[in-house]
PDB file of N, CA and C in Angstrom:
ATOM      1  N   MET A   1       2.712   1.832   8.928  1.00  0.00           N
ATOM      2  CA  MET A   1       4.330   2.016   8.611  1.00  0.00           C
ATOM      3  C   MET A   1       4.920   0.728   8.285  1.00  0.00           C
ATOM      4  N   VAL A   2       5.010   0.008   7.313  1.00  0.00           N
ATOM      5  CA  VAL A   2       5.495  -1.464   6.898  1.00  0.00           C
ATOM      6  C   VAL A   2       7.055  -0.896   6.712  1.00  0.00           C
ATOM      7  N   PRO A   3       7.838  -1.414   7.785  1.00  0.00           N
ATOM      8  CA  PRO A   3       9.274  -1.339   8.369  1.00  0.00           C
ATOM      9  C   PRO A   3       9.931  -1.797   6.140  1.00  0.00           C
ATOM     10  N   PHE A   4      10.937  -1.687   5.900  1.00  0.00           N
ATOM     11  CA  PHE A   4      11.789  -1.931   5.112  1.00  0.00           C
ATOM     12  C   PHE A   4      12.286  -3.224   4.591  1.00  0.00           C
ATOM     13  N   ASP A   5      12.461  -3.563   5.825  1.00  0.00           N
ATOM     14  CA  ASP A   5      13.103  -5.161   5.797  1.00  0.00           C
ATOM     15  C   ASP A   5      11.751  -6.452   5.443  1.00  0.00           C
ATOM     16  N   VAL A   6      10.560  -5.939   4.935  1.00  0.00           N
ATOM     17  CA  VAL A   6       9.399  -7.017   5.211  1.00  0.00           C
ATOM     18  C   VAL A   6       9.895  -7.118   3.635  1.00  0.00           C
ATOM     19  N   ASP A   7       9.596  -8.951   3.328  1.00  0.00           N
ATOM     20  CA  ASP A   7       9.558  -9.813   2.242  1.00  0.00           C
ATOM     21  C   ASP A   7       8.281  -9.608   1.748  1.00  0.00           C
ATOM     22  N   GLY A   8       8.370  -9.543   0.139  1.00  0.00           N
ATOM     23  CA  GLY A   8       7.805 -10.210  -0.016  1.00  0.00           C
ATOM     24  C   GLY A   8       6.559  -8.704  -1.029  1.00  0.00           C
ATOM     25  N   PHE A   9       6.787  -7.681  -0.160  1.00  0.00           N
ATOM     26  CA  PHE A   9       5.823  -6.671  -0.884  1.00  0.00           C
ATOM     27  C   PHE A   9       7.198  -5.622  -2.075  1.00  0.00           C
ATOM     28  N   ARG A  10       6.643  -5.701  -2.909  1.00  0.00           N
ATOM     29  CA  ARG A  10       7.397  -4.933  -4.334  1.00  0.00           C
ATOM     30  C   ARG A  10       6.234  -4.015  -4.854  1.00  0.00           C
ATOM     31  N   ILE A  11       6.535  -2.878  -4.962  1.00  0.00           N
ATOM     32  CA  ILE A  11       5.702  -2.062  -6.001  1.00  0.00           C
ATOM     33  C   ILE A  11       6.719  -1.108  -6.385  1.00  0.00           C
ATOM     34  N   GLY A  12       6.333  -0.901  -7.679  1.00  0.00           N
ATOM     35  CA  GLY A  12       6.607   0.539  -8.599  1.00  0.00           C
ATOM     36  C   GLY A  12       6.513   1.457  -8.991  1.00  0.00           C
ATOM     37  N   TYR A  13       4.657   1.543  -8.374  1.00  0.00           N
ATOM     38  CA  TYR A  13       4.264   2.803  -8.170  1.00  0.00           C
ATOM     39  C   TYR A  13       3.531   3.163  -7.061  1.00  0.00           C
ATOM     40  N   ALA A  14       2.878   4.023  -6.687  1.00  0.00           N
ATOM     41  CA  ALA A  14       1.799   4.519  -5.709  1.00  0.00           C
ATOM     42  C   ALA A  14       0.668   4.169  -5.803  1.00  0.00           C
ATOM     43  N   PRO A  15      -0.205   3.121  -5.530  1.00  0.00           N
ATOM     44  CA  PRO A  15      -1.438   3.163  -6.127  1.00  0.00           C
ATOM     45  C   PRO A  15      -2.293   3.831  -4.877  1.00  0.00           C
ATOM     46  N   THR A  16      -3.568   4.324  -5.620  1.00  0.00           N
ATOM     47  CA  THR A  16      -4.500   4.892  -4.293  1.00  0.00           C
ATOM     48  C   THR A  16      -5.718   4.352  -4.906  1.00  0.00           C
ATOM     49  N   ILE A  17      -6.538   3.270  -3.573  1.00  0.00           N
ATOM     50  CA  ILE A  17      -7.249   3.426  -3.949  1.00  0.00           C
ATOM     51  C   ILE A  17      -8.759   4.340  -3.607  1.00  0.00           C
ATOM     52  N   ILE A  18      -9.476   4.618  -5.019  1.00  0.00           N
ATOM     53  CA  ILE A  18     -10.799   5.587  -4.548  1.00  0.00           C
ATOM     54  C   ILE A  18     -12.143   4.822  -4.345  1.00  0.00           C
ATOM     55  N   GLY A  19     -12.464   4.645  -3.470  1.00  0.00           N
ATOM     56  CA  GLY A  19     -13.633   3.666  -3.053  1.00  0.00           C
ATOM     57  C   GLY A  19     -14.726   4.086  -2.442  1.00  0.00           C
ATOM     58  N   GLY A  20     -16.085   3.668  -2.128  1.00  0.00           N
ATOM     59  CA  GLY A  20     -17.180   4.733  -2.022  1.00  0.00           C
ATOM     60  C   GLY A  20     -18.161   3.051  -1.033  1.00  0.00           C
ATOM     61  N   PRO A  21     -19.674   3.589  -1.373  1.00  0.00           N
ATOM     62  CA  PRO A  21     -20.345   2.476  -0.526  1.00  0.00           C
ATOM     63  C   PRO A  21     -20.902   1.706  -1.709  1.00  0.00           C
ATOM     64  N   VAL A  22     -20.503   2.021  -2.694  1.00  0.00           N
ATOM     65  CA  VAL A  22     -20.889   1.130  -3.861  1.00  0.00           C
ATOM     66  C   VAL A  22     -19.219   0.520  -4.590  1.00  0.00           C
ATOM     67  N   PRO A  23     -18.910  -0.962  -4.274  1.00  0.00           N
ATOM     68  CA  PRO A  23     -17.864  -1.409  -4.730  1.00  0.00           C
ATOM     69  C   PRO A  23     -17.378  -1.493  -5.874  1.00  0.00           C
ATOM     70  N   GLN A  24     -18.751  -1.852  -7.219  1.00  0.00           N
ATOM     71  CA  GLN A  24     -18.288  -1.770  -8.058  1.00  0.00           C
ATOM     72  C   GLN A  24     -17.904  -0.383  -8.946  1.00  0.00           C
ATOM     73  N   LEU A  25     -18.502   0.328  -8.598  1.00  0.00           N
ATOM     74  CA  LEU A  25     -17.277   1.821  -8.491  1.00  0.00           C
ATOM     75  C   LEU A  25     -16.289   1.988  -8.380  1.00  0.00           C
ATOM     76  N   ASP A  26     -15.178   1.485  -7.431  1.00  0.00           N
ATOM     77  CA  ASP A  26     -14.146   1.877  -6.810  1.00  0.00           C
ATOM     78  C   ASP A  26     -13.139   1.872  -8.085  1.00  0.00           C
ATOM     79  N   THR A  27     -12.511   2.456  -7.930  1.00  0.00           N
ATOM     80  CA  THR A  27     -11.285   3.042  -8.891  1.00  0.00           C
ATOM     81  C   THR A  27      -9.525   3.016  -8.365  1.00  0.00           C
ATOM     82  N   VAL A  28      -8.533   2.560  -9.157  1.00  0.00           N
ATOM     83  CA  VAL A  28      -7.461   2.776  -8.625  1.00  0.00           C
ATOM     84  C   VAL A  28      -6.854   3.327  -9.500  1.00  0.00           C
ATOM     85  N   LEU A  29      -6.024   4.563  -8.591  1.00  0.00           N
ATOM     86  CA  LEU A  29      -4.769   5.294  -9.614  1.00  0.00           C
ATOM     87  C   LEU A  29      -3.718   4.905  -9.074  1.00  0.00           C
ATOM     88  N   MET A  30      -3.163   4.640 -10.369  1.00  0.00           N
ATOM     89  CA  MET A  30      -1.331   4.264 -10.384  1.00  0.00           C
ATOM     90  C   MET A  30      -0.517   5.497 -10.965  1.00  0.00           C
ATOM     91  N   ASP A  31      -0.222   5.826  -9.758  1.00  0.00           N
ATOM     92  CA  ASP A  31       0.357   7.512 -10.218  1.00  0.00           C
ATOM     93  C   ASP A  31       2.156   7.244 -10.684  1.00  0.00           C
ATOM     94  N   THR A  32       2.013   7.063 -11.766  1.00  0.00           N
ATOM     95  CA  THR A  32       3.733   6.488 -12.210  1.00  0.00           C
ATOM     96  C   THR A  32       4.416   8.059 -13.047  1.00  0.00           C
ATOM     97  N   PRO A  33       5.545   7.365 -13.313  1.00  0.00           N
ATOM     98  CA  PRO A  33       6.465   8.235 -13.849  1.00  0.00           C
ATOM     99  C   PRO A  33       6.011   9.063 -15.264  1.00  0.00           C
ATOM    100  N   HIS A  34       5.053   8.422 -15.996  1.00  0.00           N
ATOM    101  CA  HIS A  34       4.402   8.984 -17.162  1.00  0.00           C
ATOM    102  C   HIS A  34       2.551   9.653 -16.869  1.00  0.00           C
ATOM    103  N   GLY A  35       2.299   9.775 -15.489  1.00  0.00           N
ATOM    104  CA  GLY A  35       1.300  10.133 -15.471  1.00  0.00           C
ATOM    105  C   GLY A  35       0.389   9.368 -14.874  1.00  0.00           C
ATOM    106  N   GLY A  36      -0.821   9.319 -14.604  1.00  0.00           N
ATOM    107  CA  GLY A  36      -1.925   8.562 -13.637  1.00  0.00           C
ATOM    108  C   GLY A  36      -2.557   7.873 -14.223  1.00  0.00           C
ATOM    109  N   ASN A  37      -2.679   6.389 -14.602  1.00  0.00           N
ATOM    110  CA  ASN A  37      -3.429   5.703 -14.936  1.00  0.00           C
ATOM    111  C   ASN A  37      -4.809   5.053 -13.736  1.00  0.00           C
ATOM    112  N   TYR A  38      -5.847   4.919 -14.612  1.00  0.00           N
ATOM    113  CA  TYR A  38      -6.956   4.340 -13.661  1.00  0.00           C
ATOM    114  C   TYR A  38      -7.150   3.348 -14.285  1.00  0.00           C
ATOM    115  N   LEU A  39      -7.541   2.467 -13.229  1.00  0.00           N
ATOM    116  CA  LEU A  39      -7.566   1.040 -13.384  1.00  0.00           C
ATOM    117  C   LEU A  39      -9.101   0.723 -12.739  1.00  0.00           C
ATOM    118  N   ASP A  40     -10.253   0.422 -13.386  1.00  0.00           N
ATOM    119  CA  ASP A  40     -11.399   0.257 -13.066  1.00  0.00           C
ATOM    120  C   ASP A  40     -12.203  -1.198 -13.336  1.00  0.00           C
ATOM    121  N   ALA A  41     -11.267  -2.394 -13.654  1.00  0.00           N
ATOM    122  CA  ALA A  41     -11.230  -3.425 -14.209  1.00  0.00           C
ATOM    123  C   ALA A  41     -11.525  -4.164 -13.064  1.00  0.00           C
ATOM    124  N   GLU A  42     -12.703  -5.114 -12.522  1.00  0.00           N
ATOM    125  CA  GLU A  42     -12.502  -6.112 -11.475  1.00  0.00           C
ATOM    126  C   GLU A  42     -11.307  -6.573 -11.476  1.00  0.00           C
ATOM    127  N   ALA A  43     -11.109  -7.404 -12.060  1.00  0.00           N
ATOM    128  CA  ALA A  43      -9.472  -8.281 -12.154  1.00  0.00           C
ATOM    129  C   ALA A  43      -8.682  -7.441 -11.092  1.00  0.00           C
ATOM    130  N   GLN A  44      -8.428  -5.984 -11.801  1.00  0.00           N
ATOM    131  CA  GLN A  44      -7.389  -5.365 -11.609  1.00  0.00           C
ATOM    132  C   GLN A  44      -7.736  -4.402  -9.983  1.00  0.00           C
ATOM    133  N   LEU A  45      -9.122  -4.222 -10.004  1.00  0.00           N
ATOM    134  CA  LEU A  45      -9.296  -3.787  -8.187  1.00  0.00           C
ATOM    135  C   LEU A  45      -9.243  -5.125  -7.522  1.00  0.00           C
ATOM    136  N   ASP A  46      -9.333  -6.010  -7.803  1.00  0.00           N
ATOM    137  CA  ASP A  46      -9.443  -7.689  -6.892  1.00  0.00           C
ATOM    138  C   ASP A  46      -7.798  -7.741  -6.379  1.00  0.00           C
ATOM    139  N   ARG A  47      -6.570  -7.395  -7.282  1.00  0.00           N
ATOM    140  CA  ARG A  47      -5.363  -7.557  -7.345  1.00  0.00           C
ATOM    141  C   ARG A  47      -4.206  -6.777  -6.435  1.00  0.00           C
ATOM    142  N   CYS A  48      -5.003  -5.125  -6.689  1.00  0.00           N
ATOM    143  CA  CYS A  48      -4.955  -4.212  -5.555  1.00  0.00           C
ATOM    144  C   CYS A  48      -5.126  -4.032  -4.262  1.00  0.00           C
ATOM    145  N   ARG A  49      -7.011  -4.689  -4.461  1.00  0.00           N
ATOM    146  CA  ARG A  49      -7.265  -4.870  -2.859  1.00  0.00           C
ATOM    147  C   ARG A  49      -6.482  -5.823  -2.053  1.00  0.00           C
ATOM    148  N   ARG A  50      -6.051  -7.079  -2.878  1.00  0.00           N
ATOM    149  CA  ARG A  50      -5.352  -8.373  -1.866  1.00  0.00           C
ATOM    150  C   ARG A  50      -3.683  -7.669  -1.595  1.00  0.00           C
ATOM    151  N   GLY A  51      -3.279  -6.687  -2.671  1.00  0.00           N
ATOM    152  CA  GLY A  51      -2.238  -6.039  -2.369  1.00  0.00           C
ATOM    153  C   GLY A  51      -1.900  -5.340  -0.869  1.00  0.00           C
ATOM    154  N   PHE A  52      -3.437  -4.569  -0.859  1.00  0.00           N
ATOM    155  CA  PHE A  52      -3.279  -3.561   0.117  1.00  0.00           C
ATOM    156  C   PHE A  52      -3.304  -4.611   1.434  1.00  0.00           C
ATOM    157  N   ALA A  53      -4.214  -5.553   1.311  1.00  0.00           N
ATOM    158  CA  ALA A  53      -4.866  -6.625   2.804  1.00  0.00           C
ATOM    159  C   ALA A  53      -3.192  -7.040   3.525  1.00  0.00           C
ATOM    160  N   GLN A  54      -2.299  -7.462   1.534  1.00  0.00           N
ATOM    161  CA  GLN A  54      -1.303  -8.113   2.510  1.00  0.00           C
ATOM    162  C   GLN A  54      -0.302  -6.920   3.245  1.00  0.00           C
ATOM    163  N   VAL A  55      -0.409  -5.514   2.982  1.00  0.00           N
ATOM    164  CA  VAL A  55       0.233  -4.655   3.207  1.00  0.00           C
ATOM    165  C   VAL A  55       0.103  -4.405   5.135  1.00  0.00           C
ATOM    166  N   GLN A  56      -1.636  -4.411   4.755  1.00  0.00           N
ATOM    167  CA  GLN A  56      -1.898  -4.497   5.738  1.00  0.00           C
ATOM    168  C   GLN A  56      -1.625  -5.427   7.047  1.00  0.00           C
ATOM    169  N   LYS A  57      -1.547  -6.340   6.508  1.00  0.00           N
ATOM    170  CA  LYS A  57      -1.215  -7.725   7.741  1.00  0.00           C
ATOM    171  C   LYS A  57       0.642  -7.665   8.193  1.00  0.00           C
ATOM    172  N   GLN A  58       1.334  -7.196   7.485  1.00  0.00           N
ATOM    173  CA  GLN A  58       2.855  -6.759   7.534  1.00  0.00           C
ATOM    174  C   GLN A  58       3.343  -5.262   8.256  1.00  0.00           C
ATOM    175  N   ALA A  59       2.123  -4.149   8.390  1.00  0.00           N
ATOM    176  CA  ALA A  59       2.312  -3.127   8.778  1.00  0.00           C
ATOM    177  C   ALA A  59       1.957  -3.269  10.236  1.00  0.00           C
ATOM    178  N   LEU A  60       3.360  -2.360  10.552  1.00  0.00           N
ATOM    179  CA  LEU A  60       3.157  -2.488  12.035  1.00  0.00           C
ATOM    180  C   LEU A  60       1.875  -1.568  12.614  1.00  0.00           C
ATOM    181  N   GLY A  61       1.691  -1.868  14.341  1.00  0.00           N
ATOM    182  CA  GLY A  61       0.984  -1.397  15.102  1.00  0.00           C
ATOM    183  C   GLY A  61       0.695   0.177  15.149  1.00  0.00           C
ATOM    184  N   VAL A  62       0.216   0.327  16.494  1.00  0.00           N
ATOM    185  CA  VAL A  62       0.501   1.781  16.610  1.00  0.00           C
ATOM    186  C   VAL A  62       1.767   2.499  17.824  1.00  0.00           C
ATOM    187  N   VAL A  63       2.333   1.208  18.511  1.00  0.00           N
ATOM    188  CA  VAL A  63       3.450   1.346  19.125  1.00  0.00           C
ATOM    189  C   VAL A  63       4.712   1.388  18.380  1.00  0.00           C
ATOM    190  N   GLU A  64       4.307   0.250  17.290  1.00  0.00           N
ATOM    191  CA  GLU A  64       6.101  -0.408  17.132  1.00  0.00           C
ATOM    192  C   GLU A  64       6.727   1.064  16.084  1.00  0.00           C
ATOM    193  N   PRO A  65       6.243   1.653  15.483  1.00  0.00           N
ATOM    194  CA  PRO A  65       6.385   2.351  14.656  1.00  0.00           C
ATOM    195  C   PRO A  65       7.711   3.388  15.484  1.00  0.00           C
ATOM    196  N   ARG A  66       7.016   3.862  16.904  1.00  0.00           N
ATOM    197  CA  ARG A  66       8.298   4.390  17.272  1.00  0.00           C
ATOM    198  C   ARG A  66       9.113   3.912  17.976  1.00  0.00           C
ATOM    199  N   ASP A  67       9.025   2.418  18.081  1.00  0.00           N
ATOM    200  CA  ASP A  67       9.810   1.528  18.446  1.00  0.00           C
ATOM    201  C   ASP A  67      11.387   1.291  17.744  1.00  0.00           C
ATOM    202  N   PHE A  68      10.533   1.486  16.420  1.00  0.00           N
ATOM    203  CA  PHE A  68      11.210   1.157  14.786  1.00  0.00           C
ATOM    204  C   PHE A  68      11.671   2.526  14.722  1.00  0.00           C
ATOM    205  N   ILE A  69      11.651   3.640  15.086  1.00  0.00           N
ATOM    206  CA  ILE A  69      12.410   4.952  14.451  1.00  0.00           C
ATOM    207  C   ILE A  69      12.992   5.291  15.743  1.00  0.00           C
ATOM    208  N   HIS A  70      12.977   4.732  16.469  1.00  0.00           N
ATOM    209  CA  HIS A  70      14.179   5.248  18.257  1.00  0.00           C
ATOM    210  C   HIS A  70      15.430   3.906  17.616  1.00  0.00           C
ATOM    211  N   SER A  71      15.083   2.953  17.289  1.00  0.00           N
ATOM    212  CA  SER A  71      16.155   1.915  16.951  1.00  0.00           C
ATOM    213  C   SER A  71      17.001   2.794  15.992  1.00  0.00           C
ATOM    214  N   LEU A  72      15.821   3.138  15.111  1.00  0.00           N
ATOM    215  CA  LEU A  72      16.951   3.479  13.282  1.00  0.00           C
ATOM    216  C   LEU A  72      17.468   4.872  13.789  1.00  0.00           C
ATOM    217  N   ALA A  73      16.938   5.340  15.245  1.00  0.00           N
ATOM    218  CA  ALA A  73      18.230   6.840  15.207  1.00  0.00           C
ATOM    219  C   ALA A  73      19.378   6.380  16.341  1.00  0.00           C
ATOM    220  N   GLN A  74      19.208   5.245  16.914  1.00  0.00           N
ATOM    221  CA  GLN A  74      20.354   4.822  17.741  1.00  0.00           C
ATOM    222  C   GLN A  74      21.554   4.702  17.014  1.00  0.00           C
ATOM    223  N   GLN A  75      21.083   3.644  15.575  1.00  0.00           N
ATOM    224  CA  GLN A  75      21.988   2.983  14.745  1.00  0.00           C
ATOM    225  C   GLN A  75      22.836   4.444  13.958  1.00  0.00           C
ATOM    226  N   ILE A  76      22.178   5.831  14.310  1.00  0.00           N
ATOM    227  CA  ILE A  76      22.631   6.771  13.345  1.00  0.00           C
ATOM    228  C   ILE A  76      24.344   7.131  14.037  1.00  0.00           C
TER     229      ILE A  76
END
């Protein structure tokens, strides 16, 4: 879970990395309002992998989402 107030993470579409044991065969599915786009160029994959790594660094741990949801519920 990534909180709404995290700076530096902006994305217009929902990417999904489709990968397996051979990284050269990985593909990114970009689900857009106009349909799905499949990206498989190494530069595109690297950019998406870096983006996911940034999100993982800023994502909450196991306990924090519960506390975050409780704080939101108290504000309502």
